[in-house]
Amino acid sequence: MVELLSLEMAVARLRAKRAELSLKQAKAMLYDNHGLAVSLALCSRIRVGQARAKAARRRLLRMVPSTSALRDTAP
């Protein structure tokens, strides 16, 4: 059970890190002058990336309290 939970936490951390990296790359590309259409597409990508990063962090935070509860109940 603990191994499954640690695997789920590792996947959640990886998902959050990937979302934040994608968001950072999109923001960096926005500063380059590619034209209006590309900038609008990047703004959309940034909004989606922000939502994805927020959801991944929220999912990870939901797992953390359950981990500490498991440690408290373990003999």
N, C-alpha and C. Protein backbone atom coordinates (compact mmCIF):
# COMPACT_ATOMS: atom_id res chain seq x y z
N MET A 1 0.82 -1.19 0.00
CA MET A 1 0.00 0.00 0.00
C MET A 1 0.87 1.26 0.00
N VAL A 2 1.91 1.25 0.83
CA VAL A 2 2.78 2.41 0.93
C VAL A 2 3.54 2.61 -0.38
N GLU A 3 3.97 1.50 -1.01
CA GLU A 3 4.68 1.61 -2.28
C GLU A 3 3.79 2.19 -3.37
N LEU A 4 2.53 1.80 -3.38
CA LEU A 4 1.59 2.33 -4.36
C LEU A 4 1.38 3.83 -4.15
N LEU A 5 1.28 4.22 -2.90
CA LEU A 5 1.10 5.64 -2.58
C LEU A 5 2.33 6.44 -2.95
N SER A 6 3.52 5.90 -2.69
CA SER A 6 4.73 6.63 -3.05
C SER A 6 4.88 6.71 -4.57
N LEU A 7 4.44 5.68 -5.29
CA LEU A 7 4.46 5.72 -6.75
C LEU A 7 3.49 6.79 -7.26
N GLU A 8 2.30 6.84 -6.68
CA GLU A 8 1.32 7.86 -7.08
C GLU A 8 1.84 9.26 -6.79
N MET A 9 2.52 9.43 -5.67
CA MET A 9 3.08 10.74 -5.34
C MET A 9 4.19 11.11 -6.32
N ALA A 10 5.01 10.15 -6.70
CA ALA A 10 6.08 10.42 -7.66
C ALA A 10 5.50 10.82 -9.01
N VAL A 11 4.45 10.15 -9.43
CA VAL A 11 3.79 10.49 -10.69
C VAL A 11 3.18 11.89 -10.60
N ALA A 12 2.57 12.21 -9.48
CA ALA A 12 1.97 13.54 -9.30
C ALA A 12 3.04 14.63 -9.30
N ARG A 13 4.17 14.36 -8.64
CA ARG A 13 5.27 15.34 -8.64
C ARG A 13 5.81 15.54 -10.05
N LEU A 14 5.96 14.45 -10.78
CA LEU A 14 6.44 14.53 -12.16
C LEU A 14 5.47 15.31 -13.04
N ARG A 15 4.18 15.05 -12.87
CA ARG A 15 3.16 15.76 -13.64
C ARG A 15 3.20 17.26 -13.34
N ALA A 16 3.35 17.62 -12.07
CA ALA A 16 3.42 19.04 -11.69
C ALA A 16 4.67 19.68 -12.26
N LYS A 17 5.79 18.98 -12.19
CA LYS A 17 7.04 19.53 -12.71
C LYS A 17 6.98 19.72 -14.22
N ARG A 18 6.40 18.76 -14.93
CA ARG A 18 6.27 18.88 -16.38
C ARG A 18 5.36 20.04 -16.77
N ALA A 19 4.26 20.21 -16.03
CA ALA A 19 3.33 21.30 -16.33
C ALA A 19 4.00 22.65 -16.10
N GLU A 20 4.76 22.76 -15.02
CA GLU A 20 5.45 24.02 -14.73
C GLU A 20 6.54 24.29 -15.77
N LEU A 21 7.24 23.26 -16.22
CA LEU A 21 8.27 23.44 -17.25
C LEU A 21 7.65 23.88 -18.58
N SER A 22 6.54 23.26 -18.94
CA SER A 22 5.84 23.64 -20.17
C SER A 22 5.36 25.08 -20.09
N LEU A 23 4.87 25.48 -18.94
CA LEU A 23 4.42 26.85 -18.74
C LEU A 23 5.58 27.83 -18.86
N LYS A 24 6.70 27.47 -18.28
CA LYS A 24 7.89 28.33 -18.34
C LYS A 24 8.38 28.49 -19.78
N GLN A 25 8.37 27.39 -20.54
CA GLN A 25 8.79 27.45 -21.94
C GLN A 25 7.85 28.31 -22.77
N ALA A 26 6.56 28.20 -22.53
CA ALA A 26 5.59 29.00 -23.28
C ALA A 26 5.76 30.48 -22.97
N LYS A 27 6.01 30.81 -21.71
CA LYS A 27 6.22 32.21 -21.34
C LYS A 27 7.49 32.75 -22.00
N ALA A 28 8.53 31.94 -22.06
CA ALA A 28 9.77 32.38 -22.70
C ALA A 28 9.56 32.60 -24.19
N MET A 29 8.78 31.74 -24.83
CA MET A 29 8.51 31.90 -26.26
C MET A 29 7.66 33.13 -26.53
N LEU A 30 6.83 33.52 -25.57
CA LEU A 30 5.97 34.68 -25.75
C LEU A 30 6.79 35.96 -25.88
N TYR A 31 7.94 36.00 -25.22
CA TYR A 31 8.78 37.20 -25.26
C TYR A 31 9.49 37.37 -26.61
N ASP A 32 9.61 36.30 -27.38
CA ASP A 32 10.16 36.42 -28.74
C ASP A 32 9.08 37.02 -29.63
N ASN A 33 9.46 37.80 -30.59
CA ASN A 33 8.50 38.45 -31.47
C ASN A 33 8.18 37.55 -32.65
N HIS A 34 7.08 36.78 -32.55
CA HIS A 34 6.69 35.85 -33.61
C HIS A 34 5.46 36.31 -34.37
N GLY A 35 4.85 37.39 -33.97
CA GLY A 35 3.64 37.86 -34.64
C GLY A 35 2.41 37.64 -33.78
N LEU A 36 1.33 38.23 -34.22
CA LEU A 36 0.10 38.22 -33.44
C LEU A 36 -0.51 36.83 -33.29
N ALA A 37 -0.60 36.08 -34.37
CA ALA A 37 -1.24 34.76 -34.32
C ALA A 37 -0.50 33.82 -33.38
N VAL A 38 0.81 33.82 -33.44
CA VAL A 38 1.60 32.96 -32.57
C VAL A 38 1.47 33.42 -31.12
N SER A 39 1.45 34.73 -30.90
CA SER A 39 1.31 35.25 -29.54
C SER A 39 -0.04 34.86 -28.94
N LEU A 40 -1.09 34.92 -29.74
CA LEU A 40 -2.41 34.51 -29.24
C LEU A 40 -2.44 33.02 -28.91
N ALA A 41 -1.81 32.23 -29.75
CA ALA A 41 -1.75 30.79 -29.48
C ALA A 41 -0.95 30.51 -28.21
N LEU A 42 0.14 31.26 -28.02
CA LEU A 42 0.94 31.07 -26.82
C LEU A 42 0.18 31.51 -25.57
N CYS A 43 -0.60 32.58 -25.67
CA CYS A 43 -1.41 33.01 -24.53
C CYS A 43 -2.40 31.91 -24.13
N SER A 44 -2.99 31.27 -25.13
CA SER A 44 -3.90 30.16 -24.85
C SER A 44 -3.15 29.00 -24.21
N ARG A 45 -1.96 28.71 -24.73
CA ARG A 45 -1.14 27.63 -24.18
C ARG A 45 -0.73 27.94 -22.74
N ILE A 46 -0.45 29.21 -22.46
CA ILE A 46 -0.08 29.61 -21.11
C ILE A 46 -1.25 29.43 -20.15
N ARG A 47 -2.45 29.83 -20.58
CA ARG A 47 -3.63 29.66 -19.72
C ARG A 47 -3.88 28.18 -19.41
N VAL A 48 -3.77 27.35 -20.43
CA VAL A 48 -3.96 25.91 -20.23
C VAL A 48 -2.85 25.36 -19.32
N GLY A 49 -1.63 25.82 -19.53
CA GLY A 49 -0.51 25.37 -18.70
C GLY A 49 -0.67 25.77 -17.25
N GLN A 50 -1.17 26.99 -17.02
CA GLN A 50 -1.42 27.43 -15.65
C GLN A 50 -2.47 26.56 -14.98
N ALA A 51 -3.53 26.26 -15.70
CA ALA A 51 -4.58 25.41 -15.15
C ALA A 51 -4.06 24.00 -14.87
N ARG A 52 -3.25 23.47 -15.79
CA ARG A 52 -2.70 22.13 -15.62
C ARG A 52 -1.74 22.08 -14.43
N ALA A 53 -0.90 23.09 -14.28
CA ALA A 53 0.04 23.13 -13.15
C ALA A 53 -0.71 23.25 -11.83
N LYS A 54 -1.74 24.08 -11.81
CA LYS A 54 -2.53 24.25 -10.59
C LYS A 54 -3.23 22.94 -10.21
N ALA A 55 -3.80 22.26 -11.20
CA ALA A 55 -4.47 20.99 -10.93
C ALA A 55 -3.49 19.93 -10.44
N ALA A 56 -2.30 19.91 -11.02
CA ALA A 56 -1.29 18.92 -10.61
C ALA A 56 -0.82 19.20 -9.18
N ARG A 57 -0.62 20.48 -8.84
CA ARG A 57 -0.23 20.81 -7.46
C ARG A 57 -1.34 20.46 -6.48
N ARG A 58 -2.59 20.73 -6.86
CA ARG A 58 -3.72 20.42 -5.99
C ARG A 58 -3.81 18.91 -5.76
N ARG A 59 -3.61 18.13 -6.83
CA ARG A 59 -3.66 16.67 -6.72
C ARG A 59 -2.55 16.17 -5.80
N LEU A 60 -1.37 16.77 -5.92
CA LEU A 60 -0.25 16.37 -5.07
C LEU A 60 -0.52 16.72 -3.61
N LEU A 61 -1.08 17.89 -3.37
CA LEU A 61 -1.36 18.30 -1.99
C LEU A 61 -2.43 17.43 -1.35
N ARG A 62 -3.36 16.91 -2.14
CA ARG A 62 -4.36 16.01 -1.58
C ARG A 62 -3.73 14.71 -1.11
N MET A 63 -2.64 14.29 -1.74
CA MET A 63 -1.97 13.04 -1.36
C MET A 63 -1.13 13.21 -0.12
N VAL A 64 -0.55 14.37 0.10
CA VAL A 64 0.38 14.58 1.20
C VAL A 64 -0.27 14.35 2.56
N PRO A 65 -1.46 14.91 2.86
CA PRO A 65 -2.07 14.64 4.17
C PRO A 65 -2.37 13.17 4.39
N SER A 66 -2.76 12.44 3.35
CA SER A 66 -3.05 11.03 3.52
C SER A 66 -1.77 10.25 3.83
N THR A 67 -0.63 10.72 3.35
CA THR A 67 0.64 10.07 3.65
C THR A 67 0.98 10.24 5.12
N SER A 68 0.81 11.45 5.65
CA SER A 68 1.12 11.67 7.06
C SER A 68 0.15 10.92 7.94
N ALA A 69 -1.09 10.74 7.51
CA ALA A 69 -2.06 9.97 8.28
C ALA A 69 -1.66 8.50 8.33
N LEU A 70 -1.12 7.99 7.22
CA LEU A 70 -0.66 6.60 7.22
C LEU A 70 0.50 6.40 8.17
N ARG A 71 1.40 7.38 8.23
CA ARG A 71 2.54 7.26 9.14
C ARG A 71 2.10 7.30 10.59
N ASP A 72 1.08 8.10 10.89
CA ASP A 72 0.60 8.21 12.27
C ASP A 72 -0.10 6.94 12.73
N THR A 73 -0.74 6.22 11.83
CA THR A 73 -1.46 5.01 12.22
C THR A 73 -0.59 3.77 12.17
N ALA A 74 0.58 3.86 11.56
CA ALA A 74 1.46 2.69 11.46
C ALA A 74 2.02 2.35 12.84
N PRO A 75 2.19 1.05 13.13
CA PRO A 75 2.73 0.65 14.45
C PRO A 75 4.19 0.93 14.59
